[in-house]
Structure formats: structure tokens, C-alpha cells
Amino acid sequence: MSKTISASIPDNLAARLEIFVKETNKSESFHIEKALESYLEDYADLNIAQERLRDVSDPVISLDDMRKKLGI
């Protein structure tokens, strides 16, 4: 099932999307759906990261310590 939505985007973004559509032979809807999925996944990941940073029982590991653990 799908839902039709309407959105306005700036002309320059619409032009870039039009080029992308022509280069890939995929529809505007396809690319907008994929972009929205990616955006929402990134947003969810950001929320998880922020929650973990606020959790004092969840230790923060420094980059140097992580490299040592990974042997790199």
C-alpha cells in the first residue's frame, strides 16, 4: 500500500532531481522514497546515539582505545 503526498521543493533541488531521474531511468517517486528512507534511518540513528550519550551507565570509548581493541 502507498500514500500519495505533495511537497514543494526549491527549483534548484527539482532541477537536480530531474537530472538524476534521467541519468538513472528511475522515477521521481522512487528517488524521493529512497531519500526519505535514508533520512529517517539517519534520524533514528541520531536519536539512538544521543540517548546513549545521555546514559551515564553506557561507557564512552575513545578513538585510541577503540583502535587498540581492534588492533589497528
PDB file of N, CA and C in Angstrom:
ATOM      1  N   MET A   1       0.840  -1.163   0.000  1.00  0.00           N
ATOM      2  CA  MET A   1       0.000   0.000   0.000  1.00  0.00           C
ATOM      3  C   MET A   1       0.893   1.236   0.000  1.00  0.00           C
ATOM      4  N   SER A   2       0.420   2.270  -0.588  1.00  0.00           N
ATOM      5  CA  SER A   2       1.185   3.517  -0.615  1.00  0.00           C
ATOM      6  C   SER A   2       0.246   4.693  -0.414  1.00  0.00           C
ATOM      7  N   LYS A   3       0.839   5.807  -0.045  1.00  0.00           N
ATOM      8  CA  LYS A   3       0.080   7.029   0.189  1.00  0.00           C
ATOM      9  C   LYS A   3       0.676   8.126  -0.674  1.00  0.00           C
ATOM     10  N   THR A   4      -0.163   8.861  -1.343  1.00  0.00           N
ATOM     11  CA  THR A   4       0.285   9.981  -2.159  1.00  0.00           C
ATOM     12  C   THR A   4       0.407  11.211  -1.276  1.00  0.00           C
ATOM     13  N   ILE A   5       1.558  11.873  -1.373  1.00  0.00           N
ATOM     14  CA  ILE A   5       1.766  13.118  -0.645  1.00  0.00           C
ATOM     15  C   ILE A   5       2.225  14.184  -1.627  1.00  0.00           C
ATOM     16  N   SER A   6       2.101  15.417  -1.218  1.00  0.00           N
ATOM     17  CA  SER A   6       2.518  16.536  -2.055  1.00  0.00           C
ATOM     18  C   SER A   6       3.514  17.366  -1.268  1.00  0.00           C
ATOM     19  N   ALA A   7       4.580  17.791  -1.937  1.00  0.00           N
ATOM     20  CA  ALA A   7       5.588  18.619  -1.279  1.00  0.00           C
ATOM     21  C   ALA A   7       6.154  19.601  -2.289  1.00  0.00           C
ATOM     22  N   SER A   8       6.494  20.771  -1.809  1.00  0.00           N
ATOM     23  CA  SER A   8       7.157  21.770  -2.653  1.00  0.00           C
ATOM     24  C   SER A   8       8.644  21.750  -2.340  1.00  0.00           C
ATOM     25  N   ILE A   9       9.459  21.789  -3.385  1.00  0.00           N
ATOM     26  CA  ILE A   9      10.909  21.837  -3.192  1.00  0.00           C
ATOM     27  C   ILE A   9      11.464  22.998  -4.010  1.00  0.00           C
ATOM     28  N   PRO A  10      12.610  23.523  -3.604  1.00  0.00           N
ATOM     29  CA  PRO A  10      13.209  24.637  -4.347  1.00  0.00           C
ATOM     30  C   PRO A  10      13.527  24.232  -5.795  1.00  0.00           C
ATOM     31  N   ASP A  11      13.496  25.215  -6.676  1.00  0.00           N
ATOM     32  CA  ASP A  11      13.744  24.962  -8.103  1.00  0.00           C
ATOM     33  C   ASP A  11      15.081  24.268  -8.348  1.00  0.00           C
ATOM     34  N   ASN A  12      16.125  24.685  -7.622  1.00  0.00           N
ATOM     35  CA  ASN A  12      17.440  24.083  -7.865  1.00  0.00           C
ATOM     36  C   ASN A  12      17.458  22.608  -7.464  1.00  0.00           C
ATOM     37  N   LEU A  13      16.739  22.257  -6.407  1.00  0.00           N
ATOM     38  CA  LEU A  13      16.659  20.862  -5.992  1.00  0.00           C
ATOM     39  C   LEU A  13      15.837  20.050  -6.991  1.00  0.00           C
ATOM     40  N   ALA A  14      14.777  20.642  -7.500  1.00  0.00           N
ATOM     41  CA  ALA A  14      13.956  19.973  -8.517  1.00  0.00           C
ATOM     42  C   ALA A  14      14.763  19.721  -9.784  1.00  0.00           C
ATOM     43  N   ALA A  15      15.606  20.677 -10.155  1.00  0.00           N
ATOM     44  CA  ALA A  15      16.441  20.517 -11.350  1.00  0.00           C
ATOM     45  C   ALA A  15      17.447  19.388 -11.153  1.00  0.00           C
ATOM     46  N   ARG A  16      18.029  19.331  -9.966  1.00  0.00           N
ATOM     47  CA  ARG A  16      18.980  18.250  -9.673  1.00  0.00           C
ATOM     48  C   ARG A  16      18.284  16.898  -9.695  1.00  0.00           C
ATOM     49  N   LEU A  17      17.080  16.849  -9.147  1.00  0.00           N
ATOM     50  CA  LEU A  17      16.309  15.606  -9.152  1.00  0.00           C
ATOM     51  C   LEU A  17      15.981  15.187 -10.576  1.00  0.00           C
ATOM     52  N   GLU A  18      15.602  16.136 -11.407  1.00  0.00           N
ATOM     53  CA  GLU A  18      15.276  15.832 -12.805  1.00  0.00           C
ATOM     54  C   GLU A  18      16.477  15.223 -13.529  1.00  0.00           C
ATOM     55  N   ILE A  19      17.651  15.767 -13.310  1.00  0.00           N
ATOM     56  CA  ILE A  19      18.870  15.223 -13.923  1.00  0.00           C
ATOM     57  C   ILE A  19      19.105  13.800 -13.425  1.00  0.00           C
ATOM     58  N   PHE A  20      18.963  13.602 -12.116  1.00  0.00           N
ATOM     59  CA  PHE A  20      19.172  12.292 -11.509  1.00  0.00           C
ATOM     60  C   PHE A  20      18.196  11.266 -12.078  1.00  0.00           C
ATOM     61  N   VAL A  21      16.948  11.662 -12.247  1.00  0.00           N
ATOM     62  CA  VAL A  21      15.917  10.784 -12.810  1.00  0.00           C
ATOM     63  C   VAL A  21      16.303  10.351 -14.222  1.00  0.00           C
ATOM     64  N   LYS A  22      16.757  11.300 -15.027  1.00  0.00           N
ATOM     65  CA  LYS A  22      17.145  10.982 -16.407  1.00  0.00           C
ATOM     66  C   LYS A  22      18.368  10.076 -16.453  1.00  0.00           C
ATOM     67  N   GLU A  23      19.341  10.329 -15.567  1.00  0.00           N
ATOM     68  CA  GLU A  23      20.569   9.531 -15.563  1.00  0.00           C
ATOM     69  C   GLU A  23      20.330   8.095 -15.110  1.00  0.00           C
ATOM     70  N   THR A  24      19.363   7.891 -14.240  1.00  0.00           N
ATOM     71  CA  THR A  24      19.151   6.568 -13.648  1.00  0.00           C
ATOM     72  C   THR A  24      17.965   5.804 -14.223  1.00  0.00           C
ATOM     73  N   ASN A  25      17.152   6.486 -15.015  1.00  0.00           N
ATOM     74  CA  ASN A  25      15.930   5.873 -15.550  1.00  0.00           C
ATOM     75  C   ASN A  25      15.017   5.342 -14.445  1.00  0.00           C
ATOM     76  N   LYS A  26      15.019   6.027 -13.326  1.00  0.00           N
ATOM     77  CA  LYS A  26      14.110   5.717 -12.216  1.00  0.00           C
ATOM     78  C   LYS A  26      13.205   6.929 -12.016  1.00  0.00           C
ATOM     79  N   SER A  27      12.045   6.708 -11.446  1.00  0.00           N
ATOM     80  CA  SER A  27      11.069   7.789 -11.286  1.00  0.00           C
ATOM     81  C   SER A  27      11.440   8.740 -10.148  1.00  0.00           C
ATOM     82  N   GLU A  28      10.831   9.924 -10.192  1.00  0.00           N
ATOM     83  CA  GLU A  28      10.995  10.869  -9.085  1.00  0.00           C
ATOM     84  C   GLU A  28      10.533  10.224  -7.787  1.00  0.00           C
ATOM     85  N   SER A  29       9.408   9.541  -7.843  1.00  0.00           N
ATOM     86  CA  SER A  29       8.869   8.894  -6.643  1.00  0.00           C
ATOM     87  C   SER A  29       9.860   7.897  -6.059  1.00  0.00           C
ATOM     88  N   PHE A  30      10.510   7.129  -6.918  1.00  0.00           N
ATOM     89  CA  PHE A  30      11.499   6.154  -6.460  1.00  0.00           C
ATOM     90  C   PHE A  30      12.604   6.849  -5.681  1.00  0.00           C
ATOM     91  N   HIS A  31      13.177   7.902  -6.266  1.00  0.00           N
ATOM     92  CA  HIS A  31      14.299   8.583  -5.621  1.00  0.00           C
ATOM     93  C   HIS A  31      13.874   9.329  -4.360  1.00  0.00           C
ATOM     94  N   ILE A  32      12.699   9.923  -4.375  1.00  0.00           N
ATOM     95  CA  ILE A  32      12.218  10.626  -3.186  1.00  0.00           C
ATOM     96  C   ILE A  32      11.961   9.627  -2.061  1.00  0.00           C
ATOM     97  N   GLU A  33      11.392   8.475  -2.389  1.00  0.00           N
ATOM     98  CA  GLU A  33      11.159   7.441  -1.378  1.00  0.00           C
ATOM     99  C   GLU A  33      12.476   6.968  -0.777  1.00  0.00           C
ATOM    100  N   LYS A  34      13.475   6.697  -1.625  1.00  0.00           N
ATOM    101  CA  LYS A  34      14.778   6.236  -1.130  1.00  0.00           C
ATOM    102  C   LYS A  34      15.448   7.304  -0.271  1.00  0.00           C
ATOM    103  N   ALA A  35      15.357   8.561  -0.690  1.00  0.00           N
ATOM    104  CA  ALA A  35      15.959   9.654   0.077  1.00  0.00           C
ATOM    105  C   ALA A  35      15.274   9.803   1.427  1.00  0.00           C
ATOM    106  N   LEU A  36      13.958   9.683   1.451  1.00  0.00           N
ATOM    107  CA  LEU A  36      13.218   9.803   2.701  1.00  0.00           C
ATOM    108  C   LEU A  36      13.539   8.636   3.638  1.00  0.00           C
ATOM    109  N   GLU A  37      13.628   7.430   3.096  1.00  0.00           N
ATOM    110  CA  GLU A  37      14.021   6.270   3.907  1.00  0.00           C
ATOM    111  C   GLU A  37      15.380   6.506   4.549  1.00  0.00           C
ATOM    112  N   SER A  38      16.338   6.974   3.761  1.00  0.00           N
ATOM    113  CA  SER A  38      17.685   7.231   4.264  1.00  0.00           C
ATOM    114  C   SER A  38      17.673   8.308   5.343  1.00  0.00           C
ATOM    115  N   TYR A  39      16.931   9.379   5.106  1.00  0.00           N
ATOM    116  CA  TYR A  39      16.836  10.480   6.067  1.00  0.00           C
ATOM    117  C   TYR A  39      16.240   9.996   7.390  1.00  0.00           C
ATOM    118  N   LEU A  40      15.168   9.223   7.314  1.00  0.00           N
ATOM    119  CA  LEU A  40      14.516   8.740   8.528  1.00  0.00           C
ATOM    120  C   LEU A  40      15.387   7.739   9.280  1.00  0.00           C
ATOM    121  N   GLU A  41      16.137   6.899   8.564  1.00  0.00           N
ATOM    122  CA  GLU A  41      17.075   5.981   9.210  1.00  0.00           C
ATOM    123  C   GLU A  41      18.182   6.756   9.915  1.00  0.00           C
ATOM    124  N   ASP A  42      18.715   7.782   9.255  1.00  0.00           N
ATOM    125  CA  ASP A  42      19.745   8.620   9.876  1.00  0.00           C
ATOM    126  C   ASP A  42      19.208   9.308  11.123  1.00  0.00           C
ATOM    127  N   TYR A  43      17.975   9.787  11.059  1.00  0.00           N
ATOM    128  CA  TYR A  43      17.348  10.454  12.199  1.00  0.00           C
ATOM    129  C   TYR A  43      17.200   9.481  13.373  1.00  0.00           C
ATOM    130  N   ALA A  44      16.770   8.259  13.086  1.00  0.00           N
ATOM    131  CA  ALA A  44      16.633   7.242  14.132  1.00  0.00           C
ATOM    132  C   ALA A  44      17.993   6.918  14.741  1.00  0.00           C
ATOM    133  N   ASP A  45      19.021   6.778  13.900  1.00  0.00           N
ATOM    134  CA  ASP A  45      20.375   6.515  14.395  1.00  0.00           C
ATOM    135  C   ASP A  45      20.870   7.652  15.277  1.00  0.00           C
ATOM    136  N   LEU A  46      20.591   8.885  14.880  1.00  0.00           N
ATOM    137  CA  LEU A  46      20.987  10.045  15.674  1.00  0.00           C
ATOM    138  C   LEU A  46      20.314  10.018  17.042  1.00  0.00           C
ATOM    139  N   ASN A  47      19.035   9.697  17.071  1.00  0.00           N
ATOM    140  CA  ASN A  47      18.326   9.616  18.349  1.00  0.00           C
ATOM    141  C   ASN A  47      18.920   8.548  19.255  1.00  0.00           C
ATOM    142  N   ILE A  48      19.265   7.400  18.697  1.00  0.00           N
ATOM    143  CA  ILE A  48      19.889   6.332  19.481  1.00  0.00           C
ATOM    144  C   ILE A  48      21.230   6.803  20.029  1.00  0.00           C
ATOM    145  N   ALA A  49      22.035   7.445  19.191  1.00  0.00           N
ATOM    146  CA  ALA A  49      23.344   7.935  19.627  1.00  0.00           C
ATOM    147  C   ALA A  49      23.199   8.967  20.739  1.00  0.00           C
ATOM    148  N   GLN A  50      22.236   9.868  20.605  1.00  0.00           N
ATOM    149  CA  GLN A  50      22.032  10.890  21.632  1.00  0.00           C
ATOM    150  C   GLN A  50      21.566  10.267  22.945  1.00  0.00           C
ATOM    151  N   GLU A  51      20.692   9.271  22.873  1.00  0.00           N
ATOM    152  CA  GLU A  51      20.242   8.576  24.079  1.00  0.00           C
ATOM    153  C   GLU A  51      21.410   7.884  24.763  1.00  0.00           C
ATOM    154  N   ARG A  52      22.273   7.254  23.983  1.00  0.00           N
ATOM    155  CA  ARG A  52      23.420   6.552  24.560  1.00  0.00           C
ATOM    156  C   ARG A  52      24.404   7.524  25.186  1.00  0.00           C
ATOM    157  N   LEU A  53      24.564   8.702  24.593  1.00  0.00           N
ATOM    158  CA  LEU A  53      25.451   9.703  25.183  1.00  0.00           C
ATOM    159  C   LEU A  53      24.915  10.202  26.522  1.00  0.00           C
ATOM    160  N   ARG A  54      23.604  10.268  26.667  1.00  0.00           N
ATOM    161  CA  ARG A  54      22.993  10.721  27.922  1.00  0.00           C
ATOM    162  C   ARG A  54      22.993   9.632  28.997  1.00  0.00           C
ATOM    163  N   ASP A  55      23.181   8.385  28.596  1.00  0.00           N
ATOM    164  CA  ASP A  55      23.150   7.258  29.533  1.00  0.00           C
ATOM    165  C   ASP A  55      24.508   7.133  30.219  1.00  0.00           C
ATOM    166  N   VAL A  56      24.569   7.545  31.481  1.00  0.00           N
ATOM    167  CA  VAL A  56      25.854   7.535  32.204  1.00  0.00           C
ATOM    168  C   VAL A  56      26.354   6.121  32.468  1.00  0.00           C
ATOM    169  N   SER A  57      25.483   5.116  32.382  1.00  0.00           N
ATOM    170  CA  SER A  57      25.919   3.737  32.592  1.00  0.00           C
ATOM    171  C   SER A  57      26.505   3.119  31.322  1.00  0.00           C
ATOM    172  N   ASP A  58      26.408   3.823  30.217  1.00  0.00           N
ATOM    173  CA  ASP A  58      26.939   3.338  28.933  1.00  0.00           C
ATOM    174  C   ASP A  58      28.271   4.039  28.684  1.00  0.00           C
ATOM    175  N   PRO A  59      29.392   3.326  28.850  1.00  0.00           N
ATOM    176  CA  PRO A  59      30.698   3.994  28.754  1.00  0.00           C
ATOM    177  C   PRO A  59      31.005   4.489  27.341  1.00  0.00           C
ATOM    178  N   VAL A  60      31.688   5.618  27.299  1.00  0.00           N
ATOM    179  CA  VAL A  60      32.169   6.174  26.032  1.00  0.00           C
ATOM    180  C   VAL A  60      33.597   5.685  25.841  1.00  0.00           C
ATOM    181  N   ILE A  61      33.878   5.133  24.676  1.00  0.00           N
ATOM    182  CA  ILE A  61      35.213   4.608  24.377  1.00  0.00           C
ATOM    183  C   ILE A  61      35.904   5.584  23.440  1.00  0.00           C
ATOM    184  N   SER A  62      37.118   5.980  23.806  1.00  0.00           N
ATOM    185  CA  SER A  62      37.863   6.922  22.970  1.00  0.00           C
ATOM    186  C   SER A  62      38.293   6.239  21.677  1.00  0.00           C
ATOM    187  N   LEU A  63      38.607   7.051  20.683  1.00  0.00           N
ATOM    188  CA  LEU A  63      39.064   6.519  19.403  1.00  0.00           C
ATOM    189  C   LEU A  63      40.341   5.711  19.582  1.00  0.00           C
ATOM    190  N   ASP A  64      41.268   6.220  20.396  1.00  0.00           N
ATOM    191  CA  ASP A  64      42.523   5.492  20.632  1.00  0.00           C
ATOM    192  C   ASP A  64      42.263   4.136  21.287  1.00  0.00           C
ATOM    193  N   ASP A  65      41.373   4.108  22.286  1.00  0.00           N
ATOM    194  CA  ASP A  65      41.048   2.835  22.934  1.00  0.00           C
ATOM    195  C   ASP A  65      40.387   1.871  21.954  1.00  0.00           C
ATOM    196  N   MET A  66      39.521   2.377  21.096  1.00  0.00           N
ATOM    197  CA  MET A  66      38.859   1.522  20.112  1.00  0.00           C
ATOM    198  C   MET A  66      39.874   0.958  19.128  1.00  0.00           C
ATOM    199  N   ARG A  67      40.811   1.789  18.708  1.00  0.00           N
ATOM    200  CA  ARG A  67      41.857   1.300  17.789  1.00  0.00           C
ATOM    201  C   ARG A  67      42.675   0.195  18.442  1.00  0.00           C
ATOM    202  N   LYS A  68      43.009   0.373  19.720  1.00  0.00           N
ATOM    203  CA  LYS A  68      43.769  -0.656  20.436  1.00  0.00           C
ATOM    204  C   LYS A  68      42.973  -1.953  20.508  1.00  0.00           C
ATOM    205  N   LYS A  69      41.690  -1.849  20.831  1.00  0.00           N
ATOM    206  CA  LYS A  69      40.847  -3.044  20.914  1.00  0.00           C
ATOM    207  C   LYS A  69      40.759  -3.766  19.574  1.00  0.00           C
ATOM    208  N   LEU A  70      40.740  -2.984  18.494  1.00  0.00           N
ATOM    209  CA  LEU A  70      40.633  -3.566  17.155  1.00  0.00           C
ATOM    210  C   LEU A  70      41.985  -3.952  16.571  1.00  0.00           C
ATOM    211  N   GLY A  71      43.060  -3.538  17.238  1.00  0.00           N
ATOM    212  CA  GLY A  71      44.400  -3.861  16.755  1.00  0.00           C
ATOM    213  C   GLY A  71      44.798  -3.099  15.509  1.00  0.00           C
ATOM    214  N   ILE A  72      44.343  -1.856  15.412  1.00  0.00           N
ATOM    215  CA  ILE A  72      44.707  -1.043  14.239  1.00  0.00           C
ATOM    216  C   ILE A  72      45.425   0.218  14.660  1.00  0.00           C
TER     217      ILE A  72
END
